[in-house]
Amino acid sequence: MAEHCIYNVPVELLSAYNERHVVVRAKDPAVLAESISQQAGGEIVMLQLLDINKDLEALETCGYGIPLEIVLKYPQCEASKLYRVTKLQRAHPLHIVIPVVAGFSKAVKVASALHLPIKLEGNQPEPDCIEELCSVLDYFLHNKAASQEIEYFSGLLTAQFHKLPVTLWDIQEEDPRLLRYITDEGKEVVARAPFIASEDALDSFRVALMERVLRPGKECASCLFFPECGGYFKWPDQNFSCDGVKCVFTKLRDAAHELQDDLAAMETAR
């Protein structure tokens, strides 16, 4: 195990990571609540609930202050269940993790209406999801109802506006040097769905991936957005076409420039 890493572990394997900083995941809220008292020497930095359909009462009065991520599996069907999680905010800072699959925008809009921060699960979106992804981005940029962050949009917009040297790996907290996913079988893998092993050592994963995707003739080698992306959308399939996601980067870049222009105009007016 790497000393500096946070480990996303299933609750069944928590005892093997007693001296580590961990994200504990489970489908059962009661089991997740019980895990808080099981961590002897390390620290639980976050709880992750994998099934929003269960009875949530056990998490209402335990682990005060520990962040809680609620991961949706079928966002179009589970959007209405988000009303049930708002009472958990009394005990936990909440994040709703929404996979970018067909119909995911419904869950985004419900979560936004409830003022719940959102993290889009940054897999390689299918072509038929790109239009919906751009529509959600427009909602984030222009709709007043979107008062909370929607990652990875929020992080990229901030990075573009302030010219920060961060990539999507950092924004999504998926850099294998810092966070690793432990499968139910106990194997360390990259913390990206689908959770599969890398051919590279995890400490050198990003460097090795960048070397491959930046070879002459590769799409990343001539991409204007590589400094913010860092090859994020080339994992796990390096043949994935980024034509669609480049529209997202373009919209965010334009929005950042508009904000910079507006700020400059305000300074001039003063």
C-alpha atoms as a PDB file:
ATOM      1  CA  MET A   1       0.000   0.000   0.000  1.00  0.00           C
ATOM      2  CA  ALA A   2       1.132   3.541  -0.734  1.00  0.00           C
ATOM      3  CA  GLU A   3       1.473   5.666   2.409  1.00  0.00           C
ATOM      4  CA  HIS A   4       0.139   8.859   0.829  1.00  0.00           C
ATOM      5  CA  CYS A   5      -2.997   7.437  -0.810  1.00  0.00           C
ATOM      6  CA  ILE A   6      -6.657   7.509   0.093  1.00  0.00           C
ATOM      7  CA  TYR A   7      -8.293   4.138  -0.525  1.00  0.00           C
ATOM      8  CA  ASN A   8     -11.888   3.648  -1.652  1.00  0.00           C
ATOM      9  CA  VAL A   9     -12.698   0.321   0.025  1.00  0.00           C
ATOM     10  CA  PRO A  10     -15.773  -1.888   0.317  1.00  0.00           C
ATOM     11  CA  VAL A  11     -16.966  -2.044   3.910  1.00  0.00           C
ATOM     12  CA  GLU A  12     -16.217  -5.779   3.998  1.00  0.00           C
ATOM     13  CA  LEU A  13     -12.479  -5.069   3.589  1.00  0.00           C
ATOM     14  CA  LEU A  14     -12.289  -2.082   5.929  1.00  0.00           C
ATOM     15  CA  SER A  15     -10.360  -3.954   8.640  1.00  0.00           C
ATOM     16  CA  ALA A  16      -7.437  -4.425   6.237  1.00  0.00           C
ATOM     17  CA  TYR A  17      -7.110  -0.625   5.947  1.00  0.00           C
ATOM     18  CA  ASN A  18      -7.341   0.319   9.617  1.00  0.00           C
ATOM     19  CA  GLU A  19      -4.227   2.494   9.476  1.00  0.00           C
ATOM     20  CA  ARG A  20      -5.181   4.277   6.253  1.00  0.00           C
ATOM     21  CA  HIS A  21      -7.259   7.203   5.116  1.00  0.00           C
ATOM     22  CA  VAL A  22     -10.277   5.637   3.460  1.00  0.00           C
ATOM     23  CA  VAL A  23     -13.489   6.214   1.580  1.00  0.00           C
ATOM     24  CA  VAL A  24     -15.861   3.481   2.757  1.00  0.00           C
ATOM     25  CA  ARG A  25     -18.529   2.276   0.338  1.00  0.00           C
ATOM     26  CA  ALA A  26     -21.573   0.058   0.829  1.00  0.00           C
ATOM     27  CA  LYS A  27     -25.067  -0.474  -0.511  1.00  0.00           C
ATOM     28  CA  ASP A  28     -26.672  -0.727   2.937  1.00  0.00           C
ATOM     29  CA  PRO A  29     -26.879   2.575   4.901  1.00  0.00           C
ATOM     30  CA  ALA A  30     -26.988   0.702   8.225  1.00  0.00           C
ATOM     31  CA  VAL A  31     -23.775  -1.188   7.425  1.00  0.00           C
ATOM     32  CA  LEU A  32     -22.170   2.075   6.307  1.00  0.00           C
ATOM     33  CA  ALA A  33     -23.164   3.716   9.584  1.00  0.00           C
ATOM     34  CA  GLU A  34     -21.680   0.839  11.582  1.00  0.00           C
ATOM     35  CA  SER A  35     -18.372   1.165   9.746  1.00  0.00           C
ATOM     36  CA  ILE A  36     -17.673   4.525  11.398  1.00  0.00           C
ATOM     37  CA  SER A  37     -16.832   2.837  14.685  1.00  0.00           C
ATOM     38  CA  GLN A  38     -14.696   0.139  13.029  1.00  0.00           C
ATOM     39  CA  GLN A  39     -11.863   2.398  11.836  1.00  0.00           C
ATOM     40  CA  ALA A  40      -9.302   2.125  14.610  1.00  0.00           C
ATOM     41  CA  GLY A  41      -6.117   3.905  13.572  1.00  0.00           C
ATOM     42  CA  GLY A  42      -6.815   5.655  10.281  1.00  0.00           C
ATOM     43  CA  GLU A  43      -9.472   8.095   9.186  1.00  0.00           C
ATOM     44  CA  ILE A  44     -12.697   7.816   7.239  1.00  0.00           C
ATOM     45  CA  VAL A  45     -12.538  10.800   4.903  1.00  0.00           C
ATOM     46  CA  MET A  46     -15.841  10.026   3.177  1.00  0.00           C
ATOM     47  CA  LEU A  47     -18.757   7.604   3.137  1.00  0.00           C
ATOM     48  CA  GLN A  48     -20.124   6.389  -0.188  1.00  0.00           C
ATOM     49  CA  LEU A  49     -23.637   4.979  -0.461  1.00  0.00           C
ATOM     50  CA  LEU A  50     -24.201   2.856  -3.557  1.00  0.00           C
ATOM     51  CA  ASP A  51     -27.973   2.364  -3.307  1.00  0.00           C
ATOM     52  CA  ILE A  52     -30.290   5.335  -2.874  1.00  0.00           C
ATOM     53  CA  ASN A  53     -33.326   3.060  -2.643  1.00  0.00           C
ATOM     54  CA  LYS A  54     -32.528   1.767   0.863  1.00  0.00           C
ATOM     55  CA  ASP A  55     -33.831   3.149   4.174  1.00  0.00           C
ATOM     56  CA  LEU A  56     -31.544   6.103   4.937  1.00  0.00           C
ATOM     57  CA  GLU A  57     -32.445   6.584   8.603  1.00  0.00           C
ATOM     58  CA  ALA A  58     -29.253   4.981   9.954  1.00  0.00           C
ATOM     59  CA  LEU A  59     -27.143   7.735   8.379  1.00  0.00           C
ATOM     60  CA  GLU A  60     -29.195  10.596   9.825  1.00  0.00           C
ATOM     61  CA  THR A  61     -27.660  10.527  13.303  1.00  0.00           C
ATOM     62  CA  CYS A  62     -24.117   9.228  12.922  1.00  0.00           C
ATOM     63  CA  GLY A  63     -20.778  10.365  11.573  1.00  0.00           C
ATOM     64  CA  TYR A  64     -21.559  14.055  11.899  1.00  0.00           C
ATOM     65  CA  GLY A  65     -19.390  16.080   9.553  1.00  0.00           C
ATOM     66  CA  ILE A  66     -18.138  13.145   7.487  1.00  0.00           C
ATOM     67  CA  PRO A  67     -18.859  13.860   3.804  1.00  0.00           C
ATOM     68  CA  LEU A  68     -21.330  11.478   2.161  1.00  0.00           C
ATOM     69  CA  GLU A  69     -21.473  10.663  -1.548  1.00  0.00           C
ATOM     70  CA  ILE A  70     -24.634   9.088  -2.864  1.00  0.00           C
ATOM     71  CA  VAL A  71     -23.980   7.272  -6.116  1.00  0.00           C
ATOM     72  CA  LEU A  72     -26.857   6.881  -8.562  1.00  0.00           C
ATOM     73  CA  LYS A  73     -26.863   3.882 -10.850  1.00  0.00           C
ATOM     74  CA  TYR A  74     -29.966   4.629 -12.937  1.00  0.00           C
ATOM     75  CA  PRO A  75     -30.286   8.432 -12.775  1.00  0.00           C
ATOM     76  CA  GLN A  76     -33.399   8.719 -14.918  1.00  0.00           C
ATOM     77  CA  CYS A  77     -35.308   6.320 -12.647  1.00  0.00           C
ATOM     78  CA  GLU A  78     -33.729   7.374  -9.356  1.00  0.00           C
ATOM     79  CA  ALA A  79     -34.081  11.156  -9.739  1.00  0.00           C
ATOM     80  CA  SER A  80     -37.271  11.253  -7.665  1.00  0.00           C
ATOM     81  CA  LYS A  81     -35.487   9.470  -4.797  1.00  0.00           C
ATOM     82  CA  LEU A  82     -33.232  12.494  -4.302  1.00  0.00           C
ATOM     83  CA  TYR A  83     -35.936  14.233  -2.258  1.00  0.00           C
ATOM     84  CA  ARG A  84     -35.310  11.631   0.456  1.00  0.00           C
ATOM     85  CA  VAL A  85     -31.645  12.516   0.930  1.00  0.00           C
ATOM     86  CA  THR A  86     -32.008  16.189   1.845  1.00  0.00           C
ATOM     87  CA  LYS A  87     -32.512  15.383   5.547  1.00  0.00           C
ATOM     88  CA  LEU A  88     -29.070  13.785   5.577  1.00  0.00           C
ATOM     89  CA  GLN A  89     -27.579  17.269   5.150  1.00  0.00           C
ATOM     90  CA  ARG A  90     -28.075  17.828   8.887  1.00  0.00           C
ATOM     91  CA  ALA A  91     -25.310  15.316   9.537  1.00  0.00           C
ATOM     92  CA  HIS A  92     -23.219  15.178   6.370  1.00  0.00           C
ATOM     93  CA  PRO A  93     -21.938  17.409   3.575  1.00  0.00           C
ATOM     94  CA  LEU A  94     -23.539  15.709   0.567  1.00  0.00           C
ATOM     95  CA  HIS A  95     -22.497  15.030  -3.016  1.00  0.00           C
ATOM     96  CA  ILE A  96     -24.637  13.289  -5.597  1.00  0.00           C
ATOM     97  CA  VAL A  97     -22.656  11.224  -8.105  1.00  0.00           C
ATOM     98  CA  ILE A  98     -24.489  10.956 -11.439  1.00  0.00           C
ATOM     99  CA  PRO A  99     -23.231   8.774 -14.288  1.00  0.00           C
ATOM    100  CA  VAL A 100     -23.365  10.325 -17.742  1.00  0.00           C
ATOM    101  CA  VAL A 101     -25.827   7.888 -19.314  1.00  0.00           C
ATOM    102  CA  ALA A 102     -29.001   8.453 -21.303  1.00  0.00           C
ATOM    103  CA  GLY A 103     -31.487  10.471 -19.246  1.00  0.00           C
ATOM    104  CA  PHE A 104     -28.994  11.634 -16.621  1.00  0.00           C
ATOM    105  CA  SER A 105     -30.063  15.271 -17.007  1.00  0.00           C
ATOM    106  CA  LYS A 106     -33.278  14.562 -15.119  1.00  0.00           C
ATOM    107  CA  ALA A 107     -31.323  13.712 -11.968  1.00  0.00           C
ATOM    108  CA  VAL A 108     -29.064  16.748 -12.457  1.00  0.00           C
ATOM    109  CA  LYS A 109     -32.039  19.109 -12.527  1.00  0.00           C
ATOM    110  CA  VAL A 110     -33.709  17.533  -9.497  1.00  0.00           C
ATOM    111  CA  ALA A 111     -30.469  17.630  -7.490  1.00  0.00           C
ATOM    112  CA  SER A 112     -29.899  21.258  -8.517  1.00  0.00           C
ATOM    113  CA  ALA A 113     -33.425  22.206  -7.482  1.00  0.00           C
ATOM    114  CA  LEU A 114     -32.679  20.674  -4.080  1.00  0.00           C
ATOM    115  CA  HIS A 115     -29.386  22.618  -3.861  1.00  0.00           C
ATOM    116  CA  LEU A 116     -27.322  19.435  -3.789  1.00  0.00           C
ATOM    117  CA  PRO A 117     -23.747  19.509  -5.142  1.00  0.00           C
ATOM    118  CA  ILE A 118     -23.244  17.167  -8.090  1.00  0.00           C
ATOM    119  CA  LYS A 119     -20.342  15.175  -9.440  1.00  0.00           C
ATOM    120  CA  LEU A 120     -20.756  13.802 -12.941  1.00  0.00           C
ATOM    121  CA  GLU A 121     -19.157  10.396 -13.264  1.00  0.00           C
ATOM    122  CA  GLY A 122     -16.608  11.176 -15.948  1.00  0.00           C
ATOM    123  CA  ASN A 123     -16.596   8.044 -18.029  1.00  0.00           C
ATOM    124  CA  GLN A 124     -16.221   8.115 -21.817  1.00  0.00           C
ATOM    125  CA  PRO A 125     -19.705   9.295 -22.831  1.00  0.00           C
ATOM    126  CA  GLU A 126     -21.551   7.465 -25.554  1.00  0.00           C
ATOM    127  CA  PRO A 127     -22.211   9.532 -28.724  1.00  0.00           C
ATOM    128  CA  ASP A 128     -25.930   9.714 -27.965  1.00  0.00           C
ATOM    129  CA  CYS A 129     -25.155  11.345 -24.584  1.00  0.00           C
ATOM    130  CA  ILE A 130     -23.068  14.215 -25.940  1.00  0.00           C
ATOM    131  CA  GLU A 131     -26.047  16.411 -26.831  1.00  0.00           C
ATOM    132  CA  GLU A 132     -27.532  15.847 -23.380  1.00  0.00           C
ATOM    133  CA  LEU A 133     -24.150  16.605 -21.771  1.00  0.00           C
ATOM    134  CA  CYS A 134     -23.953  19.929 -23.641  1.00  0.00           C
ATOM    135  CA  SER A 135     -27.526  20.712 -22.627  1.00  0.00           C
ATOM    136  CA  VAL A 136     -26.654  20.118 -18.969  1.00  0.00           C
ATOM    137  CA  LEU A 137     -23.625  22.368 -19.380  1.00  0.00           C
ATOM    138  CA  ASP A 138     -25.841  25.150 -20.762  1.00  0.00           C
ATOM    139  CA  TYR A 139     -28.118  24.629 -17.753  1.00  0.00           C
ATOM    140  CA  PHE A 140     -25.127  24.951 -15.422  1.00  0.00           C
ATOM    141  CA  LEU A 141     -23.857  28.110 -17.128  1.00  0.00           C
ATOM    142  CA  HIS A 142     -27.113  29.981 -17.618  1.00  0.00           C
ATOM    143  CA  ASN A 143     -29.852  28.701 -15.281  1.00  0.00           C
ATOM    144  CA  LYS A 144     -30.152  30.378 -11.876  1.00  0.00           C
ATOM    145  CA  ALA A 145     -31.471  27.123 -10.414  1.00  0.00           C
ATOM    146  CA  ALA A 146     -27.945  25.685 -10.726  1.00  0.00           C
ATOM    147  CA  SER A 147     -26.722  27.334  -7.533  1.00  0.00           C
ATOM    148  CA  GLN A 148     -24.444  24.486  -6.421  1.00  0.00           C
ATOM    149  CA  GLU A 149     -21.360  23.091  -8.112  1.00  0.00           C
ATOM    150  CA  ILE A 150     -21.646  20.561 -10.902  1.00  0.00           C
ATOM    151  CA  GLU A 151     -18.316  18.843 -11.282  1.00  0.00           C
ATOM    152  CA  TYR A 152     -16.468  18.555 -13.546  1.00  0.00           C
ATOM    153  CA  PHE A 153     -17.949  21.729 -15.076  1.00  0.00           C
ATOM    154  CA  SER A 154     -17.284  23.857 -11.978  1.00  0.00           C
ATOM    155  CA  GLY A 155     -13.658  22.818 -11.658  1.00  0.00           C
ATOM    156  CA  LEU A 156     -12.881  23.282 -15.336  1.00  0.00           C
ATOM    157  CA  LEU A 157     -14.518  26.712 -15.424  1.00  0.00           C
ATOM    158  CA  THR A 158     -12.500  27.802 -12.385  1.00  0.00           C
ATOM    159  CA  ALA A 159      -9.290  26.417 -13.897  1.00  0.00           C
ATOM    160  CA  GLN A 160      -9.939  28.204 -17.190  1.00  0.00           C
ATOM    161  CA  PHE A 161     -10.845  31.487 -15.503  1.00  0.00           C
ATOM    162  CA  HIS A 162      -7.862  31.566 -13.134  1.00  0.00           C
ATOM    163  CA  LYS A 163      -5.477  29.732 -15.484  1.00  0.00           C
ATOM    164  CA  LEU A 164      -4.797  27.064 -12.868  1.00  0.00           C
ATOM    165  CA  PRO A 165      -2.483  24.133 -13.716  1.00  0.00           C
ATOM    166  CA  VAL A 166      -4.996  21.391 -12.880  1.00  0.00           C
ATOM    167  CA  THR A 167      -6.517  18.623 -14.978  1.00  0.00           C
ATOM    168  CA  LEU A 168      -9.680  16.576 -14.864  1.00  0.00           C
ATOM    169  CA  TRP A 169      -7.773  13.887 -12.972  1.00  0.00           C
ATOM    170  CA  ASP A 170      -7.339  16.410 -10.161  1.00  0.00           C
ATOM    171  CA  ILE A 171     -10.826  17.894 -10.382  1.00  0.00           C
ATOM    172  CA  GLN A 172     -12.507  14.489 -10.302  1.00  0.00           C
ATOM    173  CA  GLU A 173     -10.118  13.266  -7.564  1.00  0.00           C
ATOM    174  CA  GLU A 174      -9.094  10.239  -9.581  1.00  0.00           C
ATOM    175  CA  ASP A 175      -5.320  10.594  -9.751  1.00  0.00           C
ATOM    176  CA  PRO A 176      -4.036   7.094  -8.827  1.00  0.00           C
ATOM    177  CA  ARG A 177      -1.096   8.615  -6.991  1.00  0.00           C
ATOM    178  CA  LEU A 178      -3.574  10.090  -4.508  1.00  0.00           C
ATOM    179  CA  LEU A 179      -6.665   7.882  -4.565  1.00  0.00           C
ATOM    180  CA  ARG A 180      -7.096   4.214  -5.376  1.00  0.00           C
ATOM    181  CA  TYR A 181     -10.127   2.014  -5.705  1.00  0.00           C
ATOM    182  CA  ILE A 182     -10.095  -1.363  -4.005  1.00  0.00           C
ATOM    183  CA  THR A 183     -12.321  -3.842  -5.820  1.00  0.00           C
ATOM    184  CA  ASP A 184     -14.577  -6.205  -3.927  1.00  0.00           C
ATOM    185  CA  GLU A 185     -11.876  -8.827  -4.533  1.00  0.00           C
ATOM    186  CA  GLY A 186      -9.219  -6.626  -2.891  1.00  0.00           C
ATOM    187  CA  LYS A 187      -7.356  -5.481  -6.003  1.00  0.00           C
ATOM    188  CA  GLU A 188      -6.012  -1.909  -6.329  1.00  0.00           C
ATOM    189  CA  VAL A 189      -7.183  -0.231  -9.552  1.00  0.00           C
ATOM    190  CA  VAL A 190      -7.712   3.226 -11.034  1.00  0.00           C
ATOM    191  CA  ALA A 191     -10.641   5.021  -9.378  1.00  0.00           C
ATOM    192  CA  ARG A 192     -12.604   5.410 -12.591  1.00  0.00           C
ATOM    193  CA  ALA A 193     -15.658   3.483 -13.707  1.00  0.00           C
ATOM    194  CA  PRO A 194     -15.337   0.915 -15.136  1.00  0.00           C
ATOM    195  CA  PHE A 195     -13.006  -0.098 -12.311  1.00  0.00           C
ATOM    196  CA  ILE A 196     -10.340  -2.040 -14.161  1.00  0.00           C
ATOM    197  CA  ALA A 197      -6.627  -2.564 -13.642  1.00  0.00           C
ATOM    198  CA  SER A 198      -4.040  -0.528 -15.518  1.00  0.00           C
ATOM    199  CA  GLU A 199      -1.134  -2.056 -17.391  1.00  0.00           C
ATOM    200  CA  ASP A 200       1.047   0.557 -15.681  1.00  0.00           C
ATOM    201  CA  ALA A 201       2.058   0.880 -12.041  1.00  0.00           C
ATOM    202  CA  LEU A 202      -0.472   3.189 -10.392  1.00  0.00           C
ATOM    203  CA  ASP A 203       2.173   5.652  -9.164  1.00  0.00           C
ATOM    204  CA  SER A 204       3.299   6.211 -12.761  1.00  0.00           C
ATOM    205  CA  PHE A 205      -0.087   5.687 -14.431  1.00  0.00           C
ATOM    206  CA  ARG A 206      -0.701   9.284 -15.521  1.00  0.00           C
ATOM    207  CA  VAL A 207       2.805   9.801 -16.876  1.00  0.00           C
ATOM    208  CA  ALA A 208       2.645   6.559 -18.857  1.00  0.00           C
ATOM    209  CA  LEU A 209      -0.816   7.402 -20.225  1.00  0.00           C
ATOM    210  CA  MET A 210       0.318  10.887 -21.274  1.00  0.00           C
ATOM    211  CA  GLU A 211       3.336   9.471 -23.078  1.00  0.00           C
ATOM    212  CA  ARG A 212       1.101   7.179 -25.120  1.00  0.00           C
ATOM    213  CA  VAL A 213      -1.627   9.683 -25.984  1.00  0.00           C
ATOM    214  CA  LEU A 214       0.834  12.460 -26.913  1.00  0.00           C
ATOM    215  CA  ARG A 215       2.662  10.432 -29.540  1.00  0.00           C
ATOM    216  CA  PRO A 216       2.798  12.079 -32.988  1.00  0.00           C
ATOM    217  CA  GLY A 217      -0.436  11.621 -34.891  1.00  0.00           C
ATOM    218  CA  LYS A 218      -2.513  10.970 -31.758  1.00  0.00           C
ATOM    219  CA  GLU A 219      -5.567  13.154 -31.133  1.00  0.00           C
ATOM    220  CA  CYS A 220      -4.170  14.556 -27.867  1.00  0.00           C
ATOM    221  CA  ALA A 221      -0.944  15.731 -29.520  1.00  0.00           C
ATOM    222  CA  SER A 222      -2.743  18.568 -31.308  1.00  0.00           C
ATOM    223  CA  CYS A 223      -5.567  19.185 -28.824  1.00  0.00           C
ATOM    224  CA  LEU A 224      -5.898  22.702 -27.403  1.00  0.00           C
ATOM    225  CA  PHE A 225      -7.546  21.317 -24.300  1.00  0.00           C
ATOM    226  CA  PHE A 226      -4.947  18.754 -23.307  1.00  0.00           C
ATOM    227  CA  PRO A 227      -3.589  20.983 -20.461  1.00  0.00           C
ATOM    228  CA  GLU A 228      -7.010  20.805 -18.744  1.00  0.00           C
ATOM    229  CA  CYS A 229      -7.885  17.260 -19.794  1.00  0.00           C
ATOM    230  CA  GLY A 230      -4.546  15.515 -19.279  1.00  0.00           C
ATOM    231  CA  GLY A 231      -5.719  12.534 -21.322  1.00  0.00           C
ATOM    232  CA  TYR A 232      -8.672  11.970 -18.980  1.00  0.00           C
ATOM    233  CA  PHE A 233     -11.032  10.957 -21.769  1.00  0.00           C
ATOM    234  CA  LYS A 234      -8.500   8.517 -23.245  1.00  0.00           C
ATOM    235  CA  TRP A 235      -9.007   6.038 -20.396  1.00  0.00           C
ATOM    236  CA  PRO A 236      -9.767   3.192 -20.603  1.00  0.00           C
ATOM    237  CA  ASP A 237     -10.198   3.187 -24.398  1.00  0.00           C
ATOM    238  CA  GLN A 238      -7.408   5.225 -25.983  1.00  0.00           C
ATOM    239  CA  ASN A 239      -9.242   5.118 -29.317  1.00  0.00           C
ATOM    240  CA  PHE A 240     -12.172   7.076 -27.895  1.00  0.00           C
ATOM    241  CA  SER A 241     -12.985  10.075 -30.100  1.00  0.00           C
ATOM    242  CA  CYS A 242     -13.046  13.345 -28.179  1.00  0.00           C
ATOM    243  CA  ASP A 243     -14.993  15.297 -30.812  1.00  0.00           C
ATOM    244  CA  GLY A 244     -18.049  15.471 -28.571  1.00  0.00           C
ATOM    245  CA  VAL A 245     -16.336  16.372 -25.309  1.00  0.00           C
ATOM    246  CA  LYS A 246     -14.338  19.079 -27.081  1.00  0.00           C
ATOM    247  CA  CYS A 247     -17.659  20.922 -27.417  1.00  0.00           C
ATOM    248  CA  VAL A 248     -17.856  20.927 -23.607  1.00  0.00           C
ATOM    249  CA  PHE A 249     -14.334  22.304 -23.275  1.00  0.00           C
ATOM    250  CA  THR A 250     -15.061  24.967 -25.908  1.00  0.00           C
ATOM    251  CA  LYS A 251     -18.222  26.148 -24.136  1.00  0.00           C
ATOM    252  CA  LEU A 252     -16.396  26.349 -20.809  1.00  0.00           C
ATOM    253  CA  ARG A 253     -13.449  28.211 -22.331  1.00  0.00           C
ATOM    254  CA  ASP A 254     -15.821  30.721 -23.940  1.00  0.00           C
ATOM    255  CA  ALA A 255     -17.704  31.144 -20.666  1.00  0.00           C
ATOM    256  CA  ALA A 256     -14.445  31.777 -18.793  1.00  0.00           C
ATOM    257  CA  HIS A 257     -13.422  34.397 -21.369  1.00  0.00           C
ATOM    258  CA  GLU A 258     -16.809  36.105 -21.068  1.00  0.00           C
ATOM    259  CA  LEU A 259     -16.430  36.264 -17.293  1.00  0.00           C
ATOM    260  CA  GLN A 260     -12.934  37.713 -17.658  1.00  0.00           C
ATOM    261  CA  ASP A 261     -14.229  40.335 -20.115  1.00  0.00           C
ATOM    262  CA  ASP A 262     -17.108  41.241 -17.805  1.00  0.00           C
ATOM    263  CA  LEU A 263     -14.751  41.603 -14.863  1.00  0.00           C
ATOM    264  CA  ALA A 264     -12.383  43.766 -16.895  1.00  0.00           C
ATOM    265  CA  ALA A 265     -15.278  45.968 -18.017  1.00  0.00           C
ATOM    266  CA  MET A 266     -16.393  46.429 -14.404  1.00  0.00           C
ATOM    267  CA  GLU A 267     -12.868  47.419 -13.364  1.00  0.00           C
ATOM    268  CA  THR A 268     -12.690  49.908 -16.234  1.00  0.00           C
ATOM    269  CA  ALA A 269     -16.084  51.377 -15.302  1.00  0.00           C
ATOM    270  CA  ARG A 270     -14.835  52.028 -11.783  1.00  0.00           C
END
